[in-house]
Amino acid sequence: MRAIGTRLRLAAGLALLPLLSVTACGSDSGSGAVPAGAQASAAPTDDPVAAVRKVESAAALLTEDVRKAGTLRVGSSVGSPPGAYYPNGSDKAPAGQDIDLADAVAKVLGLKLERQDASFETILPALGSGKYDFGTGNFGVTAERLKTIDFVTYINDGQGFAVKKGNTELGEKVSDLTQLCGLTIGTGAGTTFEATLTEQKGVCAKEGRKPYDVKVYSDNGATLTALQQGRIDVIMSTINGLRYQAAQPASGTTFLGEFHRLDVGFAFKKGSPLTKAFQAAVDELIKDGTYARILKKWGTSPSAIESSRINPPEHSR
């Protein structure tokens, strides 16, 4: 769901991360609580993935050629915490919930990952060409994406809004896009947010009101800077990402609640033979408690799912 730039473009956005990472990962409960030990500038030290072992029943669902190769190529969108980010700069290893979950799934299946950084908007198209075996990037499951992409779900996140701290114009929650009429909204390229805002842009005109304006940015750092400088009024992004951000005092933002929930999953080309094995691996991690420990580490426990699904329908709300 998030949009990022290449490593070069990320450098500018990531300069903001130390400012947003003074304390810890914000609770997904919306309370603003900060789990102890979950820092962004120095990633949490807990390593629930270390103890994960291969599960033969899940690995048996892989095709013979994949088992023989022993490696999968993953197109990885690395942007901001808690999903995936660079706590120590883009020349060092990334960290985050998506990184831990992908690594844990690979260990269950007895595979190694060849992680390739890619901008969010390029990953899904590249799956069809075979450039990557799967993709990660907090990809929300939508009816439109299901036409060309297979998903294996691992968390329930979605769409939300945030404003600059002290801005009370929208109240405590955005539940209808007509609340945004006349405002400027910042969001990421190629995201479900951009699609939603574009599809619904006529809602203000129907009520005889000034339409909202949408500005698209290459990464979360640029969007936040635009908000702080008054070039946009509202940010639309992931629920978990905005809650995390609002929990960092230096961000100067206030989270305005959940707008639309979405299942989030690993993305594959349509008809990929990998989906059943990935589903089994996620379910194994849920069963043995590793999944819960990873989400606790990143402050996203309230977004946990009970079991993984392949290509679930998009949430109606």
C-alpha atoms as a PDB file:
ATOM      1  CA  MET A   1       0.000   0.000   0.000  1.00  0.00           C
ATOM      2  CA  ARG A   2       2.838   2.354   0.600  1.00  0.00           C
ATOM      3  CA  ALA A   3       4.768   4.036  -2.193  1.00  0.00           C
ATOM      4  CA  ILE A   4       8.509   4.578  -2.001  1.00  0.00           C
ATOM      5  CA  GLY A   5      11.307   5.691  -4.235  1.00  0.00           C
ATOM      6  CA  THR A   6      14.528   3.995  -5.202  1.00  0.00           C
ATOM      7  CA  ARG A   7      17.450   3.937  -2.787  1.00  0.00           C
ATOM      8  CA  LEU A   8      18.580   7.321  -4.043  1.00  0.00           C
ATOM      9  CA  ARG A   9      15.143   8.853  -3.542  1.00  0.00           C
ATOM     10  CA  LEU A  10      14.808   7.151  -0.181  1.00  0.00           C
ATOM     11  CA  ALA A  11      17.872   8.910   1.131  1.00  0.00           C
ATOM     12  CA  ALA A  12      16.078  12.235   1.386  1.00  0.00           C
ATOM     13  CA  GLY A  13      12.961  10.788   2.983  1.00  0.00           C
ATOM     14  CA  LEU A  14      14.888   8.682   5.424  1.00  0.00           C
ATOM     15  CA  ALA A  15      16.698  11.701   6.752  1.00  0.00           C
ATOM     16  CA  LEU A  16      13.488  12.299   8.692  1.00  0.00           C
ATOM     17  CA  LEU A  17      13.487   8.897  10.350  1.00  0.00           C
ATOM     18  CA  PRO A  18      15.686   9.809  13.317  1.00  0.00           C
ATOM     19  CA  LEU A  19      13.225  12.603  14.076  1.00  0.00           C
ATOM     20  CA  LEU A  20      10.302  10.195  13.958  1.00  0.00           C
ATOM     21  CA  SER A  21      12.007   7.533  15.997  1.00  0.00           C
ATOM     22  CA  VAL A  22      12.675   9.119  19.311  1.00  0.00           C
ATOM     23  CA  THR A  23      10.888   6.489  21.288  1.00  0.00           C
ATOM     24  CA  ALA A  24       9.187   3.441  19.974  1.00  0.00           C
ATOM     25  CA  CYS A  25       6.693   1.663  17.887  1.00  0.00           C
ATOM     26  CA  GLY A  26       3.219   3.121  18.442  1.00  0.00           C
ATOM     27  CA  SER A  27       0.459   0.814  19.606  1.00  0.00           C
ATOM     28  CA  ASP A  28      -2.016  -0.107  16.917  1.00  0.00           C
ATOM     29  CA  SER A  29      -4.786   0.312  19.441  1.00  0.00           C
ATOM     30  CA  GLY A  30      -4.743   4.011  18.723  1.00  0.00           C
ATOM     31  CA  SER A  31      -3.967   4.818  22.333  1.00  0.00           C
ATOM     32  CA  GLY A  32      -0.579   6.229  21.456  1.00  0.00           C
ATOM     33  CA  ALA A  33       1.047   3.763  23.851  1.00  0.00           C
ATOM     34  CA  VAL A  34       4.636   2.874  23.066  1.00  0.00           C
ATOM     35  CA  PRO A  35       5.784  -0.720  23.556  1.00  0.00           C
ATOM     36  CA  ALA A  36       8.980  -0.861  25.570  1.00  0.00           C
ATOM     37  CA  GLY A  37      12.141  -1.527  23.615  1.00  0.00           C
ATOM     38  CA  ALA A  38      10.681  -0.954  20.138  1.00  0.00           C
ATOM     39  CA  GLN A  39      12.836   1.811  18.719  1.00  0.00           C
ATOM     40  CA  ALA A  40      12.978   3.010  15.151  1.00  0.00           C
ATOM     41  CA  SER A  41      16.402   4.662  15.044  1.00  0.00           C
ATOM     42  CA  ALA A  42      17.879   1.476  16.511  1.00  0.00           C
ATOM     43  CA  ALA A  43      15.576  -1.389  15.552  1.00  0.00           C
ATOM     44  CA  PRO A  44      14.125  -3.606  18.312  1.00  0.00           C
ATOM     45  CA  THR A  45      16.675  -6.168  19.444  1.00  0.00           C
ATOM     46  CA  ASP A  46      14.173  -8.999  19.939  1.00  0.00           C
ATOM     47  CA  ASP A  47      14.677 -11.625  17.217  1.00  0.00           C
ATOM     48  CA  PRO A  48      11.724 -14.053  17.098  1.00  0.00           C
ATOM     49  CA  VAL A  49      12.815 -15.244  13.654  1.00  0.00           C
ATOM     50  CA  ALA A  50      16.054 -16.772  14.969  1.00  0.00           C
ATOM     51  CA  ALA A  51      14.312 -19.792  16.468  1.00  0.00           C
ATOM     52  CA  VAL A  52      12.227 -20.624  13.376  1.00  0.00           C
ATOM     53  CA  ARG A  53      12.946 -24.032  11.867  1.00  0.00           C
ATOM     54  CA  LYS A  54      11.964 -25.765   8.627  1.00  0.00           C
ATOM     55  CA  VAL A  55       8.568 -27.478   8.680  1.00  0.00           C
ATOM     56  CA  GLU A  56       8.589 -30.420   6.292  1.00  0.00           C
ATOM     57  CA  SER A  57       4.821 -30.504   5.718  1.00  0.00           C
ATOM     58  CA  ALA A  58       4.858 -26.884   4.520  1.00  0.00           C
ATOM     59  CA  ALA A  59       8.046 -27.294   2.481  1.00  0.00           C
ATOM     60  CA  ALA A  60       6.513 -30.328   0.759  1.00  0.00           C
ATOM     61  CA  LEU A  61       3.996 -27.974  -0.898  1.00  0.00           C
ATOM     62  CA  LEU A  62       6.784 -26.321  -2.906  1.00  0.00           C
ATOM     63  CA  THR A  63       7.454 -27.483  -6.444  1.00  0.00           C
ATOM     64  CA  GLU A  64      10.521 -29.635  -6.958  1.00  0.00           C
ATOM     65  CA  ASP A  65      12.377 -26.959  -8.914  1.00  0.00           C
ATOM     66  CA  VAL A  66      11.925 -24.429  -6.103  1.00  0.00           C
ATOM     67  CA  ARG A  67      13.084 -26.907  -3.455  1.00  0.00           C
ATOM     68  CA  LYS A  68      16.103 -27.730  -5.592  1.00  0.00           C
ATOM     69  CA  ALA A  69      17.005 -24.081  -6.207  1.00  0.00           C
ATOM     70  CA  GLY A  70      16.596 -23.278  -2.516  1.00  0.00           C
ATOM     71  CA  THR A  71      16.265 -19.540  -3.151  1.00  0.00           C
ATOM     72  CA  LEU A  72      13.430 -17.131  -3.919  1.00  0.00           C
ATOM     73  CA  ARG A  73      13.741 -13.614  -5.327  1.00  0.00           C
ATOM     74  CA  VAL A  74      11.633 -11.088  -3.441  1.00  0.00           C
ATOM     75  CA  GLY A  75      10.888  -7.586  -4.665  1.00  0.00           C
ATOM     76  CA  SER A  76      10.919  -5.606  -1.428  1.00  0.00           C
ATOM     77  CA  SER A  77       9.469  -2.125  -0.954  1.00  0.00           C
ATOM     78  CA  VAL A  78      11.349  -0.517   1.935  1.00  0.00           C
ATOM     79  CA  GLY A  79       9.877   2.736   3.191  1.00  0.00           C
ATOM     80  CA  SER A  80       9.096   3.437   6.835  1.00  0.00           C
ATOM     81  CA  PRO A  81       8.405   1.663  10.123  1.00  0.00           C
ATOM     82  CA  PRO A  82       6.775  -0.482  11.265  1.00  0.00           C
ATOM     83  CA  GLY A  83       6.479  -2.263   7.891  1.00  0.00           C
ATOM     84  CA  ALA A  84       9.976  -2.039   6.410  1.00  0.00           C
ATOM     85  CA  TYR A  85      12.670   0.608   6.734  1.00  0.00           C
ATOM     86  CA  TYR A  86      16.415   1.198   7.084  1.00  0.00           C
ATOM     87  CA  PRO A  87      17.237   1.837  10.745  1.00  0.00           C
ATOM     88  CA  ASN A  88      20.941   2.255   9.963  1.00  0.00           C
ATOM     89  CA  GLY A  89      20.911   3.681   6.444  1.00  0.00           C
ATOM     90  CA  SER A  90      20.161   2.171   3.033  1.00  0.00           C
ATOM     91  CA  ASP A  91      23.594   0.536   2.829  1.00  0.00           C
ATOM     92  CA  LYS A  92      22.713  -1.668   5.824  1.00  0.00           C
ATOM     93  CA  ALA A  93      20.102  -4.396   6.278  1.00  0.00           C
ATOM     94  CA  PRO A  94      16.436  -3.339   6.394  1.00  0.00           C
ATOM     95  CA  ALA A  95      14.195  -4.093   9.367  1.00  0.00           C
ATOM     96  CA  GLY A  96      10.487  -4.180  10.074  1.00  0.00           C
ATOM     97  CA  GLN A  97       7.430  -6.353  10.315  1.00  0.00           C
ATOM     98  CA  ASP A  98       7.416  -7.264   6.595  1.00  0.00           C
ATOM     99  CA  ILE A  99      11.110  -8.167   6.706  1.00  0.00           C
ATOM    100  CA  ASP A 100      10.674 -10.445   9.740  1.00  0.00           C
ATOM    101  CA  LEU A 101       7.584 -12.179   8.363  1.00  0.00           C
ATOM    102  CA  ALA A 102       9.152 -12.852   4.959  1.00  0.00           C
ATOM    103  CA  ASP A 103      12.332 -14.184   6.589  1.00  0.00           C
ATOM    104  CA  ALA A 104      10.313 -16.401   8.947  1.00  0.00           C
ATOM    105  CA  VAL A 105       8.225 -17.843   6.112  1.00  0.00           C
ATOM    106  CA  ALA A 106      11.387 -18.597   4.138  1.00  0.00           C
ATOM    107  CA  LYS A 107      12.859 -20.460   7.125  1.00  0.00           C
ATOM    108  CA  VAL A 108       9.685 -22.546   7.551  1.00  0.00           C
ATOM    109  CA  LEU A 109       9.977 -23.517   3.884  1.00  0.00           C
ATOM    110  CA  GLY A 110      13.714 -24.211   4.092  1.00  0.00           C
ATOM    111  CA  LEU A 111      14.522 -21.451   1.587  1.00  0.00           C
ATOM    112  CA  LYS A 112      16.812 -18.448   1.385  1.00  0.00           C
ATOM    113  CA  LEU A 113      15.663 -15.056   0.149  1.00  0.00           C
ATOM    114  CA  GLU A 114      17.387 -12.913  -2.441  1.00  0.00           C
ATOM    115  CA  ARG A 115      15.952  -9.526  -1.477  1.00  0.00           C
ATOM    116  CA  GLN A 116      15.904  -6.863  -4.176  1.00  0.00           C
ATOM    117  CA  ASP A 117      14.891  -3.307  -3.280  1.00  0.00           C
ATOM    118  CA  ALA A 118      12.264  -1.879  -5.587  1.00  0.00           C
ATOM    119  CA  SER A 119       9.903   1.079  -5.626  1.00  0.00           C
ATOM    120  CA  PHE A 120       6.425   0.166  -4.468  1.00  0.00           C
ATOM    121  CA  GLU A 121       4.680   0.925  -7.755  1.00  0.00           C
ATOM    122  CA  THR A 122       7.019  -1.296  -9.831  1.00  0.00           C
ATOM    123  CA  ILE A 123       6.750  -4.546  -7.867  1.00  0.00           C
ATOM    124  CA  LEU A 124       3.311  -5.826  -8.856  1.00  0.00           C
ATOM    125  CA  PRO A 125       3.855  -5.314 -12.619  1.00  0.00           C
ATOM    126  CA  ALA A 126       7.260  -7.017 -12.348  1.00  0.00           C
ATOM    127  CA  LEU A 127       5.760 -10.188 -10.854  1.00  0.00           C
ATOM    128  CA  GLY A 128       4.124 -11.107 -14.146  1.00  0.00           C
ATOM    129  CA  SER A 129       7.427 -10.855 -16.013  1.00  0.00           C
ATOM    130  CA  GLY A 130       9.109 -13.230 -13.573  1.00  0.00           C
ATOM    131  CA  LYS A 131      11.562 -10.669 -12.251  1.00  0.00           C
ATOM    132  CA  TYR A 132      10.545 -11.590  -8.687  1.00  0.00           C
ATOM    133  CA  ASP A 133       9.032 -14.763  -7.251  1.00  0.00           C
ATOM    134  CA  PHE A 134       6.971 -12.691  -4.826  1.00  0.00           C
ATOM    135  CA  GLY A 135       6.701  -9.167  -3.500  1.00  0.00           C
ATOM    136  CA  THR A 136       6.395  -7.441  -0.134  1.00  0.00           C
ATOM    137  CA  GLY A 137       5.372  -3.863   0.559  1.00  0.00           C
ATOM    138  CA  ASN A 138       2.256  -3.860   2.724  1.00  0.00           C
ATOM    139  CA  PHE A 139       0.229  -4.674  -0.395  1.00  0.00           C
ATOM    140  CA  GLY A 140      -3.486  -4.393   0.303  1.00  0.00           C
ATOM    141  CA  VAL A 141      -5.834  -6.940  -1.251  1.00  0.00           C
ATOM    142  CA  THR A 142      -8.258  -5.141  -3.560  1.00  0.00           C
ATOM    143  CA  ALA A 143     -10.738  -6.387  -6.159  1.00  0.00           C
ATOM    144  CA  GLU A 144      -8.765  -4.627  -8.889  1.00  0.00           C
ATOM    145  CA  ARG A 145      -5.435  -6.169  -7.889  1.00  0.00           C
ATOM    146  CA  LEU A 146      -6.972  -9.642  -7.621  1.00  0.00           C
ATOM    147  CA  LYS A 147      -7.548  -9.576 -11.382  1.00  0.00           C
ATOM    148  CA  THR A 148      -3.813  -9.909 -12.017  1.00  0.00           C
ATOM    149  CA  ILE A 149      -2.181 -10.767  -8.671  1.00  0.00           C
ATOM    150  CA  ASP A 150      -2.449 -13.654  -6.188  1.00  0.00           C
ATOM    151  CA  PHE A 151      -2.183 -12.834  -2.491  1.00  0.00           C
ATOM    152  CA  VAL A 152      -1.355 -14.821   0.636  1.00  0.00           C
ATOM    153  CA  THR A 153      -2.490 -12.761   3.618  1.00  0.00           C
ATOM    154  CA  TYR A 154      -0.420 -12.150   6.748  1.00  0.00           C
ATOM    155  CA  ILE A 155      -1.984  -9.118   8.459  1.00  0.00           C
ATOM    156  CA  ASN A 156      -5.038  -6.863   8.428  1.00  0.00           C
ATOM    157  CA  ASP A 157      -4.119  -3.204   7.952  1.00  0.00           C
ATOM    158  CA  GLY A 158      -5.809  -0.620   5.772  1.00  0.00           C
ATOM    159  CA  GLN A 159      -6.343   3.060   5.050  1.00  0.00           C
ATOM    160  CA  GLY A 160      -6.287   5.954   7.481  1.00  0.00           C
ATOM    161  CA  PHE A 161      -5.674   9.689   7.746  1.00  0.00           C
ATOM    162  CA  ALA A 162      -3.435  11.993   9.763  1.00  0.00           C
ATOM    163  CA  VAL A 163      -3.123  15.756  10.182  1.00  0.00           C
ATOM    164  CA  LYS A 164      -0.596  18.111  11.689  1.00  0.00           C
ATOM    165  CA  LYS A 165      -0.864  18.128  15.472  1.00  0.00           C
ATOM    166  CA  GLY A 166      -3.167  20.887  16.634  1.00  0.00           C
ATOM    167  CA  ASN A 167      -5.323  20.797  13.494  1.00  0.00           C
ATOM    168  CA  THR A 168      -8.876  20.151  14.729  1.00  0.00           C
ATOM    169  CA  GLU A 169     -10.701  20.993  11.494  1.00  0.00           C
ATOM    170  CA  LEU A 170     -11.589  17.359  10.793  1.00  0.00           C
ATOM    171  CA  GLY A 171     -12.340  16.360  14.364  1.00  0.00           C
ATOM    172  CA  GLU A 172     -11.067  13.051  15.704  1.00  0.00           C
ATOM    173  CA  LYS A 173     -11.925  10.783  12.757  1.00  0.00           C
ATOM    174  CA  VAL A 174     -12.369  10.818   8.986  1.00  0.00           C
ATOM    175  CA  SER A 175     -15.214   8.434   8.177  1.00  0.00           C
ATOM    176  CA  ASP A 176     -16.411   9.993   4.912  1.00  0.00           C
ATOM    177  CA  LEU A 177     -14.399  11.530   2.066  1.00  0.00           C
ATOM    178  CA  THR A 178     -16.776  14.503   1.941  1.00  0.00           C
ATOM    179  CA  GLN A 179     -15.048  15.658   5.132  1.00  0.00           C
ATOM    180  CA  LEU A 180     -12.022  16.365   2.921  1.00  0.00           C
ATOM    181  CA  CYS A 181     -13.781  18.657   0.432  1.00  0.00           C
ATOM    182  CA  GLY A 182     -11.671  21.742  -0.280  1.00  0.00           C
ATOM    183  CA  LEU A 183      -8.561  20.265   1.339  1.00  0.00           C
ATOM    184  CA  THR A 184      -5.268  19.033  -0.122  1.00  0.00           C
ATOM    185  CA  ILE A 185      -4.422  15.388   0.572  1.00  0.00           C
ATOM    186  CA  GLY A 186      -0.943  13.892   0.304  1.00  0.00           C
ATOM    187  CA  THR A 187      -0.449  10.222  -0.479  1.00  0.00           C
ATOM    188  CA  GLY A 188       1.842   7.750  -2.267  1.00  0.00           C
ATOM    189  CA  ALA A 189       2.096   6.829  -5.948  1.00  0.00           C
ATOM    190  CA  GLY A 190       0.569   3.538  -7.073  1.00  0.00           C
ATOM    191  CA  THR A 191      -1.165   2.960  -3.738  1.00  0.00           C
ATOM    192  CA  THR A 192      -4.704   1.978  -2.783  1.00  0.00           C
ATOM    193  CA  PHE A 193      -4.929   5.458  -1.253  1.00  0.00           C
ATOM    194  CA  GLU A 194      -4.301   7.167  -4.577  1.00  0.00           C
ATOM    195  CA  ALA A 195      -6.796   4.834  -6.270  1.00  0.00           C
ATOM    196  CA  THR A 196      -9.495   5.473  -3.640  1.00  0.00           C
ATOM    197  CA  LEU A 197      -9.075   9.238  -3.768  1.00  0.00           C
ATOM    198  CA  THR A 198      -9.120   9.267  -7.579  1.00  0.00           C
ATOM    199  CA  GLU A 199     -12.174   7.013  -7.866  1.00  0.00           C
ATOM    200  CA  GLN A 200     -14.166   9.039  -5.344  1.00  0.00           C
ATOM    201  CA  LYS A 201     -13.117  12.510  -6.408  1.00  0.00           C
ATOM    202  CA  GLY A 202     -16.653  13.367  -7.567  1.00  0.00           C
ATOM    203  CA  VAL A 203     -18.217  13.031  -4.093  1.00  0.00           C
ATOM    204  CA  CYS A 204     -17.703  16.715  -3.275  1.00  0.00           C
ATOM    205  CA  ALA A 205     -19.224  17.996  -6.528  1.00  0.00           C
ATOM    206  CA  LYS A 206     -22.328  15.889  -5.868  1.00  0.00           C
ATOM    207  CA  GLU A 207     -22.833  17.916  -2.700  1.00  0.00           C
ATOM    208  CA  GLY A 208     -22.052  21.198  -4.419  1.00  0.00           C
ATOM    209  CA  ARG A 209     -18.768  21.574  -2.565  1.00  0.00           C
ATOM    210  CA  LYS A 210     -15.231  22.352  -3.680  1.00  0.00           C
ATOM    211  CA  PRO A 211     -13.373  19.145  -4.597  1.00  0.00           C
ATOM    212  CA  TYR A 212     -10.368  17.963  -2.668  1.00  0.00           C
ATOM    213  CA  ASP A 213      -6.953  18.065  -4.304  1.00  0.00           C
ATOM    214  CA  VAL A 214      -4.551  15.108  -4.306  1.00  0.00           C
ATOM    215  CA  LYS A 215      -0.770  15.427  -4.290  1.00  0.00           C
ATOM    216  CA  VAL A 216       1.277  12.272  -4.844  1.00  0.00           C
ATOM    217  CA  TYR A 217       4.733  11.787  -3.305  1.00  0.00           C
ATOM    218  CA  SER A 218       7.487   9.271  -3.913  1.00  0.00           C
ATOM    219  CA  ASP A 219       8.048   8.396  -0.250  1.00  0.00           C
ATOM    220  CA  ASN A 220       6.628   8.857   3.235  1.00  0.00           C
ATOM    221  CA  GLY A 221       9.336  11.302   4.287  1.00  0.00           C
ATOM    222  CA  ALA A 222       8.395  13.697   1.484  1.00  0.00           C
ATOM    223  CA  THR A 223       4.711  13.442   2.396  1.00  0.00           C
ATOM    224  CA  LEU A 224       5.402  14.232   6.038  1.00  0.00           C
ATOM    225  CA  THR A 225       7.590  17.198   5.110  1.00  0.00           C
ATOM    226  CA  ALA A 226       4.772  18.548   2.931  1.00  0.00           C
ATOM    227  CA  LEU A 227       2.373  18.283   5.875  1.00  0.00           C
ATOM    228  CA  GLN A 228       4.771  19.990   8.263  1.00  0.00           C
ATOM    229  CA  GLN A 229       5.351  22.814   5.768  1.00  0.00           C
ATOM    230  CA  GLY A 230       1.651  23.337   5.140  1.00  0.00           C
ATOM    231  CA  ARG A 231       1.671  22.262   1.482  1.00  0.00           C
ATOM    232  CA  ILE A 232      -0.930  19.597   2.235  1.00  0.00           C
ATOM    233  CA  ASP A 233      -3.657  19.438   4.882  1.00  0.00           C
ATOM    234  CA  VAL A 234      -4.013  15.690   5.362  1.00  0.00           C
ATOM    235  CA  ILE A 235      -2.004  12.495   4.829  1.00  0.00           C
ATOM    236  CA  MET A 236      -3.690   9.292   3.662  1.00  0.00           C
ATOM    237  CA  SER A 237      -1.599   6.189   4.322  1.00  0.00           C
ATOM    238  CA  THR A 238      -1.545   2.871   6.192  1.00  0.00           C
ATOM    239  CA  ILE A 239      -3.328   2.570   9.532  1.00  0.00           C
ATOM    240  CA  ASN A 240      -0.324   0.997  11.245  1.00  0.00           C
ATOM    241  CA  GLY A 241       2.158   3.404   9.668  1.00  0.00           C
ATOM    242  CA  LEU A 242       0.196   6.502  10.666  1.00  0.00           C
ATOM    243  CA  ARG A 243      -0.332   5.237  14.209  1.00  0.00           C
ATOM    244  CA  TYR A 244       3.366   4.537  14.513  1.00  0.00           C
ATOM    245  CA  GLN A 245       4.200   7.975  13.171  1.00  0.00           C
ATOM    246  CA  ALA A 246       1.762   9.775  15.482  1.00  0.00           C
ATOM    247  CA  ALA A 247       3.364   8.038  18.483  1.00  0.00           C
ATOM    248  CA  GLN A 248       6.673   9.759  17.674  1.00  0.00           C
ATOM    249  CA  PRO A 249       6.576  13.271  19.233  1.00  0.00           C
ATOM    250  CA  ALA A 250       8.905  14.721  16.603  1.00  0.00           C
ATOM    251  CA  SER A 251       6.511  13.837  13.770  1.00  0.00           C
ATOM    252  CA  GLY A 252       3.973  16.377  15.000  1.00  0.00           C
ATOM    253  CA  THR A 253       1.024  14.420  13.617  1.00  0.00           C
ATOM    254  CA  THR A 254      -2.348  13.235  14.896  1.00  0.00           C
ATOM    255  CA  PHE A 255      -3.951  10.010  13.647  1.00  0.00           C
ATOM    256  CA  LEU A 256      -7.574  10.399  12.546  1.00  0.00           C
ATOM    257  CA  GLY A 257      -8.736   6.813  12.768  1.00  0.00           C
ATOM    258  CA  GLU A 258      -9.366   3.905  10.459  1.00  0.00           C
ATOM    259  CA  PHE A 259     -11.122   4.643   7.193  1.00  0.00           C
ATOM    260  CA  HIS A 260     -11.120   1.310   5.343  1.00  0.00           C
ATOM    261  CA  ARG A 261      -9.643  -2.011   6.480  1.00  0.00           C
ATOM    262  CA  LEU A 262      -7.741  -4.175   3.988  1.00  0.00           C
ATOM    263  CA  ASP A 263      -6.137  -7.581   4.184  1.00  0.00           C
ATOM    264  CA  VAL A 264      -2.427  -7.326   3.421  1.00  0.00           C
ATOM    265  CA  GLY A 265      -0.461 -10.110   1.820  1.00  0.00           C
ATOM    266  CA  PHE A 266       2.573 -11.423   0.020  1.00  0.00           C
ATOM    267  CA  ALA A 267       2.019 -10.781  -3.692  1.00  0.00           C
ATOM    268  CA  PHE A 268       2.552 -13.310  -6.503  1.00  0.00           C
ATOM    269  CA  LYS A 269       1.914 -13.507 -10.228  1.00  0.00           C
ATOM    270  CA  LYS A 270      -1.486 -14.964 -11.058  1.00  0.00           C
ATOM    271  CA  GLY A 271      -1.442 -18.736 -10.838  1.00  0.00           C
ATOM    272  CA  SER A 272       1.806 -18.924  -8.873  1.00  0.00           C
ATOM    273  CA  PRO A 273       2.533 -22.404  -7.476  1.00  0.00           C
ATOM    274  CA  LEU A 274       3.999 -20.797  -4.343  1.00  0.00           C
ATOM    275  CA  THR A 275       0.768 -19.616  -2.707  1.00  0.00           C
ATOM    276  CA  LYS A 276      -0.227 -22.823  -0.907  1.00  0.00           C
ATOM    277  CA  ALA A 277       3.234 -23.259   0.579  1.00  0.00           C
ATOM    278  CA  PHE A 278       3.301 -19.639   1.777  1.00  0.00           C
ATOM    279  CA  GLN A 279      -0.170 -19.979   3.283  1.00  0.00           C
ATOM    280  CA  ALA A 280       0.917 -23.112   5.148  1.00  0.00           C
ATOM    281  CA  ALA A 281       4.078 -21.347   6.367  1.00  0.00           C
ATOM    282  CA  VAL A 282       2.166 -18.335   7.715  1.00  0.00           C
ATOM    283  CA  ASP A 283      -0.256 -20.684   9.486  1.00  0.00           C
ATOM    284  CA  GLU A 284       2.679 -22.554  11.039  1.00  0.00           C
ATOM    285  CA  LEU A 285       4.071 -19.262  12.360  1.00  0.00           C
ATOM    286  CA  ILE A 286       0.661 -18.384  13.815  1.00  0.00           C
ATOM    287  CA  LYS A 287       0.381 -21.835  15.377  1.00  0.00           C
ATOM    288  CA  ASP A 288       3.817 -21.846  17.044  1.00  0.00           C
ATOM    289  CA  GLY A 289       3.570 -18.267  18.372  1.00  0.00           C
ATOM    290  CA  THR A 290       6.308 -16.731  16.203  1.00  0.00           C
ATOM    291  CA  TYR A 291       3.758 -14.623  14.352  1.00  0.00           C
ATOM    292  CA  ALA A 292       2.417 -13.094  17.572  1.00  0.00           C
ATOM    293  CA  ARG A 293       5.956 -12.313  18.746  1.00  0.00           C
ATOM    294  CA  ILE A 294       6.814 -10.556  15.470  1.00  0.00           C
ATOM    295  CA  LEU A 295       3.703  -8.390  15.628  1.00  0.00           C
ATOM    296  CA  LYS A 296       4.321  -7.589  19.291  1.00  0.00           C
ATOM    297  CA  LYS A 297       7.866  -6.562  18.411  1.00  0.00           C
ATOM    298  CA  TRP A 298       6.570  -4.021  15.890  1.00  0.00           C
ATOM    299  CA  GLY A 299       3.523  -2.839  17.831  1.00  0.00           C
ATOM    300  CA  THR A 300       0.962  -4.196  15.372  1.00  0.00           C
ATOM    301  CA  SER A 301      -0.655  -6.976  17.422  1.00  0.00           C
ATOM    302  CA  PRO A 302      -4.233  -5.654  17.002  1.00  0.00           C
ATOM    303  CA  SER A 303      -3.819  -6.214  13.234  1.00  0.00           C
ATOM    304  CA  ALA A 304      -3.203  -9.954  13.668  1.00  0.00           C
ATOM    305  CA  ILE A 305      -5.144 -12.494  11.610  1.00  0.00           C
ATOM    306  CA  GLU A 306      -6.299 -15.905  12.858  1.00  0.00           C
ATOM    307  CA  SER A 307      -5.228 -17.752   9.719  1.00  0.00           C
ATOM    308  CA  SER A 308      -3.771 -16.966   6.322  1.00  0.00           C
ATOM    309  CA  ARG A 309      -5.983 -16.875   3.242  1.00  0.00           C
ATOM    310  CA  ILE A 310      -5.318 -17.021  -0.478  1.00  0.00           C
ATOM    311  CA  ASN A 311      -7.079 -14.286  -2.479  1.00  0.00           C
ATOM    312  CA  PRO A 312      -9.788 -13.253   0.009  1.00  0.00           C
ATOM    313  CA  PRO A 313     -12.346 -10.769  -1.331  1.00  0.00           C
ATOM    314  CA  GLU A 314     -11.726  -7.107  -0.606  1.00  0.00           C
ATOM    315  CA  HIS A 315     -13.308  -5.845   2.618  1.00  0.00           C
ATOM    316  CA  SER A 316     -16.526  -3.932   1.979  1.00  0.00           C
ATOM    317  CA  ARG A 317     -15.465  -1.463   4.721  1.00  0.00           C
END
